[in-house]
Amino acid sequence: MVSNPIDKLIHDLEMERAKEYWETLKRLKAQTEEQKEWREAHQKKQLEYMRSAGINLKEVEKDLEEDARKMKSYLEQKRPLLISRPKQDTHFPVNLGGTLIPPSAGFALPPDPGVVPPINPAEIKFKNHWDGSGWDWLGGPTGTTKYRDVMFAFTPHQSASYTFTACIAFHGFYFVQAHDGWLTSHHAEVSVFVSLKAFQIIDRGWKFFPAVINREGDNISEFDNFDQIVNFADTQDFRVDEPVVVTASIELLAGAYGGGSHAEVNFQDGDANFIQPQGLWVSPVP
């Protein structure tokens, strides 16, 4: 049982968010199963047309296997360099005015209902990746999304409009690899998003921001380090002496289709790769 009132509020808010997340996943899973059946049936017809046209499908399958082998070799060559790179010096956030609130708690949203495990909110380690497979002429959503939530709590000293800005340092790397062929379809994409939500007595709803990372393509061969401090700001009216909880949700998306394609966004492997929520600057609007 959580006894501290602020901690209990944080816990209750996160469990409610987790329930909504699990319900969304359940609906998406059902949709994905329906799409899978339709895609498989359509692909079967396409293969029949290609056989009737005299196309040697075994040769195409060999090409797909070779693409996958080359991708595996490429990753084995490049990933160790990104994982073993030296750790960046900590850069403290620029003073944006007001009070800097440290992270109060962190949580990982698991894919299945149950306990939502706490995480270290000062240094978040997580990644997401997806490998494409098959011919995949139809494309479509093939991938996965992972979330980590960071909570900041404070109590306003006066009733007023407040600005609050979450400062988050990102240290990691990404891969997007896909090469279309004349008989196959390939695509790879990675995205990193952050959204903010404030709660005081009632839920104030999510504010969404432009992607921190957003790379995709059908013919793309790209990998890079990513080391940036990014600020995410909102303004809300708050009442004096009522606790406020601000949730910063970090979302990693990785998707790929077609054999030999690969998508990866990594803030986990190695000492240098992590996400550091540095704090929440809070101040009443003058």
Protein backbone atom coordinates (compact mmCIF):
# COMPACT_ATOMS: atom_id res chain seq x y z
CA MET A 1 0.00 0.00 0.00
CA VAL A 2 1.16 3.55 -0.79
CA SER A 3 0.69 5.81 2.23
CA ASN A 4 2.18 9.16 1.16
CA PRO A 5 -0.66 11.23 -0.45
CA ILE A 6 1.45 12.46 -3.38
CA ASP A 7 2.89 9.00 -4.01
CA LYS A 8 -0.61 7.51 -3.86
CA LEU A 9 -1.90 10.07 -6.35
CA ILE A 10 0.96 9.27 -8.72
CA HIS A 11 0.34 5.54 -8.34
CA ASP A 12 -3.41 5.86 -8.96
CA LEU A 13 -2.91 8.06 -12.02
CA GLU A 14 -0.42 5.66 -13.56
CA MET A 15 -2.63 2.62 -12.95
CA GLU A 16 -5.54 4.40 -14.63
CA ARG A 17 -3.31 5.26 -17.58
CA ALA A 18 -2.13 1.64 -17.77
CA LYS A 19 -5.73 0.38 -17.94
CA GLU A 20 -6.50 2.73 -20.84
CA TYR A 21 -3.27 1.62 -22.55
CA TRP A 22 -4.13 -2.07 -22.21
CA GLU A 23 -7.62 -1.49 -23.62
CA THR A 24 -6.08 0.29 -26.61
CA LEU A 25 -3.62 -2.59 -27.15
CA LYS A 26 -6.47 -5.10 -27.06
CA ARG A 27 -8.33 -3.23 -29.83
CA LEU A 28 -5.16 -2.86 -31.91
CA LYS A 29 -4.36 -6.55 -31.54
CA ALA A 30 -7.81 -7.52 -32.81
CA GLN A 31 -7.44 -5.17 -35.79
CA THR A 32 -3.98 -6.54 -36.55
CA GLU A 33 -5.27 -10.12 -36.60
CA GLU A 34 -8.00 -9.14 -39.06
CA GLN A 35 -5.50 -7.34 -41.28
CA LYS A 36 -3.11 -10.30 -41.14
CA GLU A 37 -5.70 -12.69 -42.54
CA TRP A 38 -6.56 -10.29 -45.36
CA ARG A 39 -2.90 -9.63 -46.18
CA GLU A 40 -2.02 -13.34 -46.27
CA ALA A 41 -4.95 -14.09 -48.58
CA HIS A 42 -4.00 -11.23 -50.90
CA GLN A 43 -0.34 -12.24 -50.95
CA LYS A 44 -1.31 -15.80 -51.85
CA LYS A 45 -3.17 -14.48 -54.90
CA GLN A 46 -0.21 -12.33 -55.89
CA LEU A 47 2.11 -15.35 -55.76
CA GLU A 48 -0.27 -17.30 -57.97
CA TYR A 49 -0.26 -14.48 -60.54
CA MET A 50 3.55 -14.39 -60.50
CA ARG A 51 3.84 -18.15 -61.01
CA SER A 52 1.43 -17.98 -63.93
CA ALA A 53 3.60 -15.20 -65.43
CA GLY A 54 6.62 -17.51 -65.33
CA ILE A 55 8.51 -15.69 -62.56
CA ASN A 56 10.94 -17.89 -60.64
CA LEU A 57 9.83 -17.30 -57.05
CA LYS A 58 12.65 -19.39 -55.62
CA GLU A 59 15.19 -16.94 -57.02
CA VAL A 60 13.32 -14.03 -55.46
CA GLU A 61 13.22 -15.85 -52.11
CA LYS A 62 16.98 -16.38 -52.37
CA ASP A 63 17.38 -12.64 -52.88
CA LEU A 64 15.31 -11.97 -49.75
CA GLU A 65 17.44 -14.40 -47.76
CA GLU A 66 20.57 -12.66 -49.05
CA ASP A 67 19.14 -9.27 -48.03
CA ALA A 68 18.54 -10.59 -44.53
CA ARG A 69 22.06 -12.01 -44.33
CA LYS A 70 23.58 -8.72 -45.46
CA MET A 71 21.51 -6.82 -42.91
CA LYS A 72 22.65 -9.10 -40.10
CA SER A 73 26.29 -8.64 -41.14
CA TYR A 74 25.84 -4.88 -41.42
CA LEU A 75 24.37 -4.60 -37.92
CA GLU A 76 27.10 -6.81 -36.46
CA GLN A 77 29.62 -4.39 -37.94
CA LYS A 78 28.01 -1.06 -36.99
CA ARG A 79 26.15 -1.60 -33.69
CA PRO A 80 29.21 -2.31 -31.49
CA LEU A 81 30.66 1.09 -32.38
CA LEU A 82 27.46 2.85 -31.31
CA ILE A 83 27.09 0.79 -28.14
CA SER A 84 30.70 1.25 -26.96
CA ARG A 85 30.95 5.00 -27.63
CA PRO A 86 32.09 7.10 -24.64
CA LYS A 87 29.47 8.46 -22.28
CA GLN A 88 28.56 12.11 -22.77
CA ASP A 89 29.27 14.63 -20.02
CA THR A 90 26.12 15.66 -18.16
CA HIS A 91 24.86 19.07 -19.28
CA PHE A 92 22.51 20.65 -16.80
CA PRO A 93 19.44 22.41 -18.20
CA VAL A 94 19.50 26.13 -18.90
CA ASN A 95 17.70 28.10 -16.18
CA LEU A 96 14.25 28.74 -17.60
CA GLY A 97 13.03 30.61 -14.53
CA GLY A 98 10.96 29.50 -11.57
CA THR A 99 11.56 26.28 -9.66
CA LEU A 100 13.25 23.15 -11.01
CA ILE A 101 11.28 20.06 -9.91
CA PRO A 102 13.19 16.75 -10.06
CA PRO A 103 11.43 13.61 -11.35
CA SER A 104 9.23 12.04 -8.68
CA ALA A 105 8.67 8.60 -10.23
CA GLY A 106 8.98 6.58 -13.40
CA PHE A 107 7.05 3.64 -14.85
CA ALA A 108 7.26 1.19 -17.73
CA LEU A 109 3.95 0.37 -19.43
CA PRO A 110 4.01 -3.42 -20.01
CA PRO A 111 2.13 -4.99 -22.96
CA ASP A 112 -0.06 -7.17 -20.72
CA PRO A 113 -2.33 -6.22 -17.80
CA GLY A 114 -0.72 -6.55 -14.40
CA VAL A 115 1.63 -4.64 -12.19
CA VAL A 116 3.18 -1.54 -13.76
CA PRO A 117 6.88 -1.80 -12.82
CA PRO A 118 8.63 1.30 -11.48
CA ILE A 119 11.83 2.47 -13.17
CA ASN A 120 14.63 4.83 -12.25
CA PRO A 121 13.31 8.22 -13.46
CA ALA A 122 16.78 9.81 -13.35
CA GLU A 123 18.22 7.54 -16.07
CA ILE A 124 15.82 5.65 -18.31
CA LYS A 125 17.19 2.73 -20.32
CA PHE A 126 14.98 1.31 -23.07
CA LYS A 127 14.94 0.54 -26.77
CA ASN A 128 12.69 -0.70 -29.55
CA HIS A 129 13.44 -2.58 -32.77
CA TRP A 130 11.72 -4.50 -35.54
CA ASP A 131 12.88 -6.67 -38.43
CA GLY A 132 10.86 -6.92 -41.62
CA SER A 133 10.16 -10.23 -43.34
CA GLY A 134 8.67 -11.67 -46.50
CA TRP A 135 7.63 -9.97 -49.73
CA ASP A 136 5.15 -7.53 -48.18
CA TRP A 137 3.83 -5.75 -51.26
CA LEU A 138 0.91 -4.42 -49.22
CA GLY A 139 3.01 -2.57 -46.65
CA GLY A 140 0.89 -1.34 -43.77
CA PRO A 141 1.56 -1.03 -40.05
CA THR A 142 4.12 -3.64 -39.04
CA GLY A 143 6.01 -2.76 -35.87
CA THR A 144 5.67 -1.95 -32.21
CA THR A 145 5.59 0.98 -29.80
CA LYS A 146 7.00 1.11 -26.27
CA TYR A 147 6.37 3.68 -23.54
CA ARG A 148 8.01 5.03 -20.40
CA ASP A 149 6.31 7.57 -18.16
CA VAL A 150 8.04 10.12 -15.91
CA MET A 151 6.06 11.92 -13.21
CA PHE A 152 6.77 15.33 -11.66
CA ALA A 153 4.84 16.54 -8.60
CA PHE A 154 4.55 19.97 -6.99
CA THR A 155 2.07 22.07 -5.02
CA PRO A 156 1.36 25.62 -6.26
CA HIS A 157 1.97 28.42 -3.74
CA GLN A 158 -0.66 30.64 -5.39
CA SER A 159 -3.63 30.34 -7.73
CA ALA A 160 -2.43 31.39 -11.18
CA SER A 161 -1.59 30.30 -14.71
CA TYR A 162 1.65 28.31 -14.62
CA THR A 163 4.13 27.44 -17.32
CA PHE A 164 5.90 24.10 -16.87
CA THR A 165 8.71 22.83 -19.07
CA ALA A 166 10.10 19.30 -18.99
CA CYS A 167 13.81 19.18 -19.91
CA ILE A 168 14.82 15.75 -21.21
CA ALA A 169 18.29 14.71 -22.42
CA PHE A 170 18.36 11.99 -25.10
CA HIS A 171 21.53 9.94 -25.64
CA GLY A 172 21.19 7.05 -28.07
CA PHE A 173 21.25 5.91 -31.69
CA TYR A 174 18.97 4.67 -34.44
CA PHE A 175 18.99 2.50 -37.59
CA VAL A 176 16.62 2.60 -40.55
CA GLN A 177 17.47 0.15 -43.34
CA ALA A 178 15.20 -0.83 -46.25
CA HIS A 179 15.77 -1.48 -49.95
CA ASP A 180 12.83 -1.85 -52.30
CA GLY A 181 13.05 -4.32 -55.18
CA TRP A 182 10.99 -4.64 -58.34
CA LEU A 183 9.19 -7.71 -56.96
CA THR A 184 9.26 -6.89 -53.25
CA SER A 185 8.26 -4.04 -50.97
CA HIS A 186 10.43 -2.72 -48.13
CA HIS A 187 10.03 0.04 -45.58
CA ALA A 188 11.61 1.03 -42.26
CA GLU A 189 10.80 3.78 -39.79
CA VAL A 190 11.71 4.96 -36.30
CA SER A 191 10.11 7.72 -34.25
CA VAL A 192 10.52 9.20 -30.77
CA PHE A 193 7.68 11.27 -29.31
CA VAL A 194 7.11 13.02 -25.99
CA SER A 195 3.74 14.21 -24.70
CA LEU A 196 2.78 16.02 -21.47
CA LYS A 197 -0.32 15.79 -19.30
CA ALA A 198 -1.11 17.75 -16.14
CA PHE A 199 -3.47 16.64 -13.38
CA GLN A 200 -4.87 18.80 -10.61
CA ILE A 201 -8.23 17.58 -9.31
CA ILE A 202 -9.12 16.70 -12.92
CA ASP A 203 -7.18 15.40 -15.91
CA ARG A 204 -6.09 18.26 -18.22
CA GLY A 205 -5.47 16.05 -21.27
CA TRP A 206 -2.38 15.37 -23.35
CA LYS A 207 -0.33 17.97 -25.17
CA PHE A 208 1.59 16.50 -28.12
CA PHE A 209 4.83 17.80 -29.61
CA PRO A 210 6.72 17.34 -32.90
CA ALA A 211 8.77 14.15 -33.07
CA VAL A 212 12.19 14.17 -31.42
CA ILE A 213 13.33 11.64 -34.05
CA ASN A 214 11.36 10.76 -37.18
CA ARG A 215 13.16 8.84 -39.97
CA GLU A 216 11.57 6.56 -42.57
CA GLY A 217 11.80 5.40 -46.15
CA ASP A 218 11.36 2.61 -48.68
CA ASN A 219 14.94 2.95 -49.92
CA ILE A 220 16.96 4.17 -46.96
CA SER A 221 20.25 3.28 -45.33
CA GLU A 222 20.84 5.42 -42.30
CA PHE A 223 22.20 5.18 -38.77
CA ASP A 224 23.32 7.91 -36.41
CA ASN A 225 23.99 8.93 -32.83
CA PHE A 226 21.46 11.20 -31.16
CA ASP A 227 22.55 13.46 -28.29
CA GLN A 228 20.22 16.37 -27.58
CA ILE A 229 18.45 18.11 -24.71
CA VAL A 230 14.86 18.85 -25.74
CA ASN A 231 12.32 21.03 -23.87
CA PHE A 232 8.56 20.40 -23.78
CA ALA A 233 6.39 23.22 -22.41
CA ASP A 234 2.73 23.77 -21.53
CA THR A 235 0.63 26.31 -19.60
CA GLN A 236 -2.30 25.54 -17.27
CA ASP A 237 -4.32 27.27 -14.55
CA PHE A 238 -3.65 25.75 -11.13
CA ARG A 239 -5.23 26.29 -7.71
CA VAL A 240 -3.20 27.09 -4.61
CA ASP A 241 -2.30 24.24 -2.21
CA GLU A 242 -3.69 21.45 -4.43
CA PRO A 243 -1.05 18.93 -5.61
CA VAL A 244 -0.21 18.84 -9.32
CA VAL A 245 1.19 15.82 -11.15
CA VAL A 246 2.71 16.29 -14.61
CA THR A 247 3.29 13.14 -16.69
CA ALA A 248 5.89 13.14 -19.46
CA SER A 249 5.27 10.11 -21.68
CA ILE A 250 8.18 8.96 -23.88
CA GLU A 251 7.22 6.83 -26.89
CA LEU A 252 9.58 4.78 -29.07
CA LEU A 253 8.21 3.44 -32.35
CA ALA A 254 10.03 0.99 -34.62
CA GLY A 255 8.46 -0.52 -37.71
CA ALA A 256 9.64 -2.39 -40.80
CA TYR A 257 8.31 -4.67 -43.50
CA GLY A 258 9.97 -6.70 -46.24
CA GLY A 259 12.81 -9.18 -45.74
CA GLY A 260 16.14 -7.52 -44.96
CA SER A 261 14.62 -4.31 -43.56
CA HIS A 262 15.42 -3.18 -40.02
CA ALA A 263 14.32 -0.39 -37.69
CA GLU A 264 15.89 0.34 -34.29
CA VAL A 265 15.90 3.22 -31.83
CA ASN A 266 18.16 2.51 -28.87
CA PHE A 267 18.56 4.34 -25.55
CA GLN A 268 19.60 1.24 -23.63
CA ASP A 269 22.68 -0.68 -24.79
CA GLY A 270 26.03 0.54 -23.46
CA ASP A 271 26.90 3.17 -20.84
CA ALA A 272 26.44 6.11 -23.22
CA ASN A 273 22.85 5.38 -24.28
CA PHE A 274 20.01 6.46 -21.99
CA ILE A 275 17.30 9.09 -21.50
CA GLN A 276 17.74 11.55 -18.64
CA PRO A 277 14.72 13.60 -17.51
CA GLN A 278 16.58 16.53 -15.97
CA GLY A 279 13.64 18.24 -14.35
CA LEU A 280 10.49 20.32 -14.73
CA TRP A 281 10.81 24.11 -14.65
CA VAL A 282 7.66 25.57 -13.06
CA SER A 283 6.72 29.24 -12.69
CA PRO A 284 3.55 31.35 -12.53
CA VAL A 285 2.93 33.45 -15.62
CA PRO A 286 3.76 37.12 -14.79
